[in-house]
């Protein structure tokens, strides 16, 4: 759209000015169309449709948020996701939860210490039993050797021969 004839060698408007005028003209046409639409009532229908769509979108967003809030409010979900730590209903009870956690930790530590002590006690008790049994066997061996050996030596010194008794031994009861 040039205001001057195409054959003119000189055009006082630059290309940028011509593009600017074309944009302004297009803008004026759009404004005229919109004014006509407003006067005819089409724009009111479009506005009403747009408002209805916005309301539907907001309602859908609210339903989605309600679903998310419901999901977030479930205890198991809060435990698995870690959101229970920022939940408003739980925030007031943090010190109780910390106290319970500390007590559980102490309880577990005491239980492991008790189990370890019991294992050590059982092992020491078993070793003590083995030592007692060995001590008794050694005492019996010592007694039997010294008593029998001392009798044999004394009998040999006197020239008496050692003989096993011919009768079976009988237990004398009191």
Foldseek 3Di string as FASTA:
>chain_A
DAPDDPPDPDDPDDPVRVVVVVVVVVVVVVVVVVVVCVVVCVVVVVVVVVVVVVVVVVVVVVVVVVVVVVQCPDPVSCVVVVVCCVDPVCVVVVVVVVVVVVVVVVVVVVVVVVVVVVVVVVVVVVVVVVVVVVVVVVVVVVVVCVVVVVVCVVCVVVPHDDDDDPDDDDDDDD
